[in-house]
Amino acid sequence: MSIVEKAVAEAREMMSNGSTKIDAAMAMYRQLESHPQDVVVQAFIDGAVLTDRGALTYWYNCRRKRSRERSGA
C-alpha cells in the first residue's frame, strides 16, 4: 500500500468516526505535502469526499495552515 493509499484509507476511517472533512484533509496533507499538488488534490477527492473545486480549495487552505504551523504563528 502506497503512502497515498494509506492516507486516503485513514481519512475515510476518520470520516466514518465523525471527523470533519477539513480534519481529514489536514491529516492527509501532513502525510502528503511533499507530493505534487494534483496527487494531494486527488487524495482529498477520494479520502474526504470532496469535489474537484472543493479539494483544490482545501489544498490551498491546508498549505497555508501548514506554513503557519511551521513558522510558529
C-alpha atoms as a PDB file:
ATOM      1  CA  MET A   1       0.000   0.000   0.000  1.00  0.00           C
ATOM      2  CA  SER A   2       1.432   3.355  -1.019  1.00  0.00           C
ATOM      3  CA  ILE A   3       1.551   6.369   1.268  1.00  0.00           C
ATOM      4  CA  VAL A   4      -1.242   7.965  -0.791  1.00  0.00           C
ATOM      5  CA  GLU A   5      -3.478   4.910  -0.423  1.00  0.00           C
ATOM      6  CA  LYS A   6      -2.692   4.789   3.303  1.00  0.00           C
ATOM      7  CA  ALA A   7      -3.570   8.477   3.756  1.00  0.00           C
ATOM      8  CA  VAL A   8      -6.849   8.034   1.852  1.00  0.00           C
ATOM      9  CA  ALA A   9      -7.778   4.970   3.930  1.00  0.00           C
ATOM     10  CA  GLU A  10      -7.002   6.806   7.173  1.00  0.00           C
ATOM     11  CA  ALA A  11      -9.082   9.811   6.063  1.00  0.00           C
ATOM     12  CA  ARG A  12     -12.048   7.565   5.226  1.00  0.00           C
ATOM     13  CA  GLU A  13     -11.726   5.983   8.664  1.00  0.00           C
ATOM     14  CA  MET A  14     -11.650   9.427  10.292  1.00  0.00           C
ATOM     15  CA  MET A  15     -14.749  10.474   8.358  1.00  0.00           C
ATOM     16  CA  SER A  16     -16.621   7.322   9.376  1.00  0.00           C
ATOM     17  CA  ASN A  17     -15.775   8.125  13.008  1.00  0.00           C
ATOM     18  CA  GLY A  18     -17.306  11.590  12.760  1.00  0.00           C
ATOM     19  CA  SER A  19     -14.322  13.786  11.861  1.00  0.00           C
ATOM     20  CA  THR A  20     -14.897  16.799   9.642  1.00  0.00           C
ATOM     21  CA  LYS A  21     -13.716  16.982   6.057  1.00  0.00           C
ATOM     22  CA  ILE A  22     -11.131  19.612   6.942  1.00  0.00           C
ATOM     23  CA  ASP A  23      -9.719  17.459   9.739  1.00  0.00           C
ATOM     24  CA  ALA A  24      -9.429  14.505   7.378  1.00  0.00           C
ATOM     25  CA  ALA A  25      -7.904  16.678   4.654  1.00  0.00           C
ATOM     26  CA  MET A  26      -5.368  18.206   7.048  1.00  0.00           C
ATOM     27  CA  ALA A  27      -4.322  14.762   8.273  1.00  0.00           C
ATOM     28  CA  MET A  28      -3.807  13.696   4.650  1.00  0.00           C
ATOM     29  CA  TYR A  29      -1.960  16.898   3.793  1.00  0.00           C
ATOM     30  CA  ARG A  30       0.524  16.382   6.636  1.00  0.00           C
ATOM     31  CA  GLN A  31       1.373  12.967   5.167  1.00  0.00           C
ATOM     32  CA  LEU A  32       1.369  14.010   1.506  1.00  0.00           C
ATOM     33  CA  GLU A  33       2.691  17.582   1.482  1.00  0.00           C
ATOM     34  CA  SER A  34       5.860  16.527  -0.367  1.00  0.00           C
ATOM     35  CA  HIS A  35       3.753  15.100  -3.214  1.00  0.00           C
ATOM     36  CA  PRO A  36       2.644  17.125  -6.264  1.00  0.00           C
ATOM     37  CA  GLN A  37      -0.496  19.229  -5.946  1.00  0.00           C
ATOM     38  CA  ASP A  38      -2.538  17.037  -8.293  1.00  0.00           C
ATOM     39  CA  VAL A  39      -1.771  13.911  -6.232  1.00  0.00           C
ATOM     40  CA  VAL A  40      -2.836  15.587  -2.982  1.00  0.00           C
ATOM     41  CA  VAL A  41      -5.973  17.070  -4.543  1.00  0.00           C
ATOM     42  CA  GLN A  42      -6.990  13.643  -5.890  1.00  0.00           C
ATOM     43  CA  ALA A  43      -6.385  12.134  -2.444  1.00  0.00           C
ATOM     44  CA  PHE A  44      -8.693  14.782  -0.957  1.00  0.00           C
ATOM     45  CA  ILE A  45     -11.366  13.839  -3.512  1.00  0.00           C
ATOM     46  CA  ASP A  46     -11.012  10.140  -2.717  1.00  0.00           C
ATOM     47  CA  GLY A  47     -10.490  10.342   1.038  1.00  0.00           C
ATOM     48  CA  ALA A  48     -12.504  13.347   2.196  1.00  0.00           C
ATOM     49  CA  VAL A  49     -15.218  13.017  -0.468  1.00  0.00           C
ATOM     50  CA  LEU A  50     -14.681  16.494  -1.908  1.00  0.00           C
ATOM     51  CA  THR A  51     -15.493  17.910  -5.328  1.00  0.00           C
ATOM     52  CA  ASP A  52     -12.671  18.925  -7.670  1.00  0.00           C
ATOM     53  CA  ARG A  53     -13.038  22.602  -6.792  1.00  0.00           C
ATOM     54  CA  GLY A  54     -13.545  21.888  -3.105  1.00  0.00           C
ATOM     55  CA  ALA A  55     -10.437  19.701  -2.994  1.00  0.00           C
ATOM     56  CA  LEU A  56      -8.355  22.434  -4.608  1.00  0.00           C
ATOM     57  CA  THR A  57      -9.649  24.978  -2.068  1.00  0.00           C
ATOM     58  CA  TYR A  58      -8.822  22.600   0.787  1.00  0.00           C
ATOM     59  CA  TRP A  59      -5.333  22.101  -0.687  1.00  0.00           C
ATOM     60  CA  TYR A  60      -4.690  25.865  -0.598  1.00  0.00           C
ATOM     61  CA  ASN A  61      -6.090  26.161   2.929  1.00  0.00           C
ATOM     62  CA  CYS A  62      -4.092  23.196   4.239  1.00  0.00           C
ATOM     63  CA  ARG A  63      -0.929  24.536   2.631  1.00  0.00           C
ATOM     64  CA  ARG A  64      -1.415  27.903   4.340  1.00  0.00           C
ATOM     65  CA  LYS A  65      -2.244  26.316   7.692  1.00  0.00           C
ATOM     66  CA  ARG A  66       0.808  24.024   7.484  1.00  0.00           C
ATOM     67  CA  SER A  67       3.025  27.003   6.659  1.00  0.00           C
ATOM     68  CA  ARG A  68       1.725  28.831   9.730  1.00  0.00           C
ATOM     69  CA  GLU A  69       2.307  25.739  11.887  1.00  0.00           C
ATOM     70  CA  ARG A  70       5.931  25.574  10.765  1.00  0.00           C
ATOM     71  CA  SER A  71       6.558  29.263  11.366  1.00  0.00           C
ATOM     72  CA  GLY A  72       5.054  29.063  14.840  1.00  0.00           C
ATOM     73  CA  ALA A  73       2.386  31.683  14.124  1.00  0.00           C
END
